[in-house]
C-alpha atoms as a PDB file:
ATOM      1  CA  MET A   1      -5.915  -3.764 -16.853  1.00  0.00           C
ATOM      2  CA  SER A   2      -6.715  -3.840 -13.117  1.00  0.00           C
ATOM      3  CA  ILE A   3      -5.726  -7.488 -12.792  1.00  0.00           C
ATOM      4  CA  ASN A   4      -2.281  -6.613 -14.176  1.00  0.00           C
ATOM      5  CA  LEU A   5      -2.002  -3.589 -11.887  1.00  0.00           C
ATOM      6  CA  ALA A   6      -3.046  -5.716  -8.913  1.00  0.00           C
ATOM      7  CA  PHE A   7      -0.689  -8.602  -9.650  1.00  0.00           C
ATOM      8  CA  TYR A   8       2.383  -6.652 -10.713  1.00  0.00           C
ATOM      9  CA  GLY A   9       1.723  -4.010  -8.085  1.00  0.00           C
ATOM     10  CA  ALA A  10       1.617  -6.713  -5.407  1.00  0.00           C
ATOM     11  CA  ALA A  11       4.898  -8.172  -6.635  1.00  0.00           C
ATOM     12  CA  LEU A  12       6.629  -4.796  -6.955  1.00  0.00           C
ATOM     13  CA  PHE A  13       5.382  -3.484  -3.613  1.00  0.00           C
ATOM     14  CA  GLY A  14       6.310  -6.768  -1.925  1.00  0.00           C
ATOM     15  CA  LEU A  15       9.806  -6.601  -3.406  1.00  0.00           C
ATOM     16  CA  THR A  16      10.393  -2.963  -2.534  1.00  0.00           C
ATOM     17  CA  GLY A  17       8.783  -3.436   0.885  1.00  0.00           C
ATOM     18  CA  THR A  18      11.309  -6.147   1.655  1.00  0.00           C
ATOM     19  CA  ALA A  19      14.208  -3.953   0.572  1.00  0.00           C
ATOM     20  CA  LEU A  20      12.908  -0.900   2.420  1.00  0.00           C
ATOM     21  CA  GLY A  21      12.181  -2.963   5.532  1.00  0.00           C
ATOM     22  CA  ALA A  22      15.740  -4.276   5.544  1.00  0.00           C
ATOM     23  CA  TYR A  23      17.095  -0.770   5.070  1.00  0.00           C
ATOM     24  CA  GLY A  24      14.911   0.533   7.885  1.00  0.00           C
ATOM     25  CA  ALA A  25      15.997  -2.233  10.242  1.00  0.00           C
ATOM     26  CA  HIS A  26      19.701  -2.061   9.443  1.00  0.00           C
ATOM     27  CA  GLY A  27      20.607   1.150   7.627  1.00  0.00           C
ATOM     28  CA  LEU A  28      18.443   3.726   9.360  1.00  0.00           C
ATOM     29  CA  ALA A  29      18.883   2.424  12.885  1.00  0.00           C
ATOM     30  CA  ALA A  30      22.635   1.924  12.475  1.00  0.00           C
ATOM     31  CA  GLY A  31      22.994   5.331  10.834  1.00  0.00           C
ATOM     32  CA  GLY A  32      21.817   7.154  13.924  1.00  0.00           C
ATOM     33  CA  THR A  33      18.375   8.119  12.619  1.00  0.00           C
ATOM     34  CA  ALA A  34      16.045   9.269  15.391  1.00  0.00           C
ATOM     35  CA  PRO A  35      13.951   6.409  16.807  1.00  0.00           C
ATOM     36  CA  ALA A  36      10.698   8.238  16.014  1.00  0.00           C
ATOM     37  CA  LEU A  37      11.693   8.487  12.343  1.00  0.00           C
ATOM     38  CA  VAL A  38      12.678   4.809  12.248  1.00  0.00           C
ATOM     39  CA  ALA A  39       9.290   3.937  13.749  1.00  0.00           C
ATOM     40  CA  ALA A  40       7.508   6.097  11.157  1.00  0.00           C
ATOM     41  CA  PHE A  41       9.504   4.452   8.364  1.00  0.00           C
ATOM     42  CA  ASN A  42       8.584   1.002   9.671  1.00  0.00           C
ATOM     43  CA  THR A  43       4.914   2.023   9.739  1.00  0.00           C
ATOM     44  CA  GLY A  44       5.192   2.902   6.046  1.00  0.00           C
ATOM     45  CA  VAL A  45       6.762  -0.489   5.333  1.00  0.00           C
ATOM     46  CA  GLN A  46       4.083  -2.314   7.335  1.00  0.00           C
ATOM     47  CA  TYR A  47       1.228  -0.603   5.484  1.00  0.00           C
ATOM     48  CA  GLN A  48       2.960  -1.227   2.157  1.00  0.00           C
ATOM     49  CA  PHE A  49       3.246  -4.954   2.884  1.00  0.00           C
ATOM     50  CA  LEU A  50      -0.312  -5.326   4.130  1.00  0.00           C
ATOM     51  CA  HIS A  51      -1.699  -3.653   1.050  1.00  0.00           C
ATOM     52  CA  ALA A  52       0.646  -5.551  -1.290  1.00  0.00           C
ATOM     53  CA  LEU A  53      -0.932  -8.722   0.077  1.00  0.00           C
ATOM     54  CA  ALA A  54      -4.383  -7.195  -0.398  1.00  0.00           C
ATOM     55  CA  LEU A  55      -3.464  -6.439  -4.028  1.00  0.00           C
ATOM     56  CA  LEU A  56      -2.452 -10.066  -4.507  1.00  0.00           C
ATOM     57  CA  LEU A  57      -5.811 -11.173  -3.144  1.00  0.00           C
ATOM     58  CA  LEU A  58      -7.544  -8.734  -5.486  1.00  0.00           C
ATOM     59  CA  ALA A  59      -5.621 -10.159  -8.450  1.00  0.00           C
ATOM     60  CA  VAL A  60      -6.920 -13.625  -7.567  1.00  0.00           C
ATOM     61  CA  MET A  61     -10.446 -12.295  -7.159  1.00  0.00           C
ATOM     62  CA  LEU A  62     -10.276 -10.415 -10.469  1.00  0.00           C
ATOM     63  CA  LYS A  63      -9.098 -13.582 -12.205  1.00  0.00           C
ATOM     64  CA  ARG A  64     -12.415 -15.175 -11.254  1.00  0.00           C
ATOM     65  CA  ARG A  65     -14.730 -12.228 -11.797  1.00  0.00           C
ATOM     66  CA  VAL A  66     -14.155  -8.586 -12.724  1.00  0.00           C
ATOM     67  CA  THR A  67     -16.286  -5.962 -11.017  1.00  0.00           C
ATOM     68  CA  ALA A  68     -16.070  -2.188 -10.914  1.00  0.00           C
ATOM     69  CA  ALA A  69     -15.729  -2.241  -7.131  1.00  0.00           C
ATOM     70  CA  LEU A  70     -12.762  -4.640  -7.262  1.00  0.00           C
ATOM     71  CA  ASN A  71     -11.117  -2.504  -9.922  1.00  0.00           C
ATOM     72  CA  ALA A  72     -11.644   0.575  -7.774  1.00  0.00           C
ATOM     73  CA  ALA A  73     -10.151  -1.207  -4.735  1.00  0.00           C
ATOM     74  CA  VAL A  74      -6.994  -1.930  -6.749  1.00  0.00           C
ATOM     75  CA  VAL A  75      -6.630   1.707  -7.749  1.00  0.00           C
ATOM     76  CA  PHE A  76      -7.212   3.010  -4.230  1.00  0.00           C
ATOM     77  CA  PHE A  77      -4.767   0.525  -2.677  1.00  0.00           C
ATOM     78  CA  VAL A  78      -2.052   1.480  -5.167  1.00  0.00           C
ATOM     79  CA  LEU A  79      -2.703   5.185  -4.581  1.00  0.00           C
ATOM     80  CA  GLY A  80      -2.699   4.576  -0.845  1.00  0.00           C
ATOM     81  CA  ILE A  81       0.678   2.850  -0.931  1.00  0.00           C
ATOM     82  CA  LEU A  82       2.184   5.585  -3.075  1.00  0.00           C
ATOM     83  CA  MET A  83       0.767   8.451  -1.009  1.00  0.00           C
ATOM     84  CA  PHE A  84       0.857   7.025   2.527  1.00  0.00           C
ATOM     85  CA  SER A  85       4.028   4.959   2.503  1.00  0.00           C
ATOM     86  CA  GLY A  86       5.724   7.081  -0.157  1.00  0.00           C
ATOM     87  CA  SER A  87       5.260  10.314   1.777  1.00  0.00           C
ATOM     88  CA  ILE A  88       6.623   8.713   4.942  1.00  0.00           C
ATOM     89  CA  TYR A  89       9.659   7.426   3.051  1.00  0.00           C
ATOM     90  CA  ALA A  90      10.219  10.886   1.533  1.00  0.00           C
ATOM     91  CA  LEU A  91       9.973  12.508   4.951  1.00  0.00           C
ATOM     92  CA  VAL A  92      12.415  10.111   6.610  1.00  0.00           C
ATOM     93  CA  LEU A  93      14.906   9.690   3.754  1.00  0.00           C
ATOM     94  CA  PHE A  94      14.911  13.183   2.260  1.00  0.00           C
ATOM     95  CA  GLY A  95      13.466  15.393   4.987  1.00  0.00           C
ATOM     96  CA  ALA A  96      10.590  16.356   2.656  1.00  0.00           C
ATOM     97  CA  ARG A  97       8.393  18.015   5.283  1.00  0.00           C
ATOM     98  CA  GLY A  98       6.271  19.909   2.772  1.00  0.00           C
ATOM     99  CA  ILE A  99       4.430  16.795   1.625  1.00  0.00           C
ATOM    100  CA  GLY A 100       3.124  15.742   5.031  1.00  0.00           C
ATOM    101  CA  PHE A 101      -0.435  16.531   3.929  1.00  0.00           C
ATOM    102  CA  VAL A 102      -0.228  13.605   1.475  1.00  0.00           C
ATOM    103  CA  THR A 103       0.062  10.968   4.212  1.00  0.00           C
ATOM    104  CA  PRO A 104      -3.537  11.255   5.466  1.00  0.00           C
ATOM    105  CA  LEU A 105      -4.781  11.291   1.863  1.00  0.00           C
ATOM    106  CA  GLY A 106      -3.050   7.949   1.431  1.00  0.00           C
ATOM    107  CA  GLY A 107      -4.752   6.690   4.578  1.00  0.00           C
ATOM    108  CA  VAL A 108      -8.115   7.776   3.192  1.00  0.00           C
ATOM    109  CA  SER A 109      -7.281   5.961  -0.061  1.00  0.00           C
ATOM    110  CA  PHE A 110      -6.648   2.779   1.915  1.00  0.00           C
ATOM    111  CA  MET A 111     -10.005   3.140   3.651  1.00  0.00           C
ATOM    112  CA  VAL A 112     -11.825   3.796   0.372  1.00  0.00           C
ATOM    113  CA  GLY A 113     -10.117   0.712  -1.102  1.00  0.00           C
ATOM    114  CA  TRP A 114     -11.344  -1.418   1.797  1.00  0.00           C
ATOM    115  CA  LEU A 115     -14.829   0.067   1.403  1.00  0.00           C
ATOM    116  CA  CYS A 116     -14.747  -0.860  -2.296  1.00  0.00           C
ATOM    117  CA  LEU A 117     -13.773  -4.408  -1.331  1.00  0.00           C
ATOM    118  CA  LEU A 118     -16.636  -4.512   1.146  1.00  0.00           C
ATOM    119  CA  LEU A 119     -19.069  -3.328  -1.518  1.00  0.00           C
ATOM    120  CA  ALA A 120     -17.647  -5.812  -4.027  1.00  0.00           C
ATOM    121  CA  GLY A 121     -18.473  -8.608  -1.634  1.00  0.00           C
ATOM    122  CA  ARG A 122     -22.186  -7.953  -2.054  1.00  0.00           C
ATOM    123  CA  THR A 123     -22.101  -9.143  -5.673  1.00  0.00           C
ATOM    124  CA  TRP A 124     -18.833 -11.099  -5.843  1.00  0.00           C
ATOM    125  CA  LEU A 125     -19.804 -13.585  -3.133  1.00  0.00           C
ATOM    126  CA  ARG A 126     -23.188 -14.256  -4.755  1.00  0.00           C
ATOM    127  CA  SER A 127     -21.630 -15.154  -8.094  1.00  0.00           C
ATOM    128  CA  GLU A 128     -20.770 -18.724  -7.053  1.00  0.00           C
END
């Protein structure tokens, strides 16, 4: 299950990150959106891309050996992308100010995902 979530999540988030990045660079800036909002949007895109690549790495790792920590990292990275980047996109595109509390929760999810990857290394690296 987690290998599918990691692989397809990486592909989907990479695809949508490309589209959203292009929109941020061309549509938002040309449409007169405030520079601070464009910068925030681009931060969401950057974090989405970085964690899409991390999900792809996790899919490769899970193909070799499944561990609970790797599975948890997948879940936390997906949640982080949805909460962190998603809340920024909602704020910039729809003016959804009431969900601003979700952004730091997404950041915490990213950190927990990286911690899970760190913990996975203790057993995953010894398996060779």
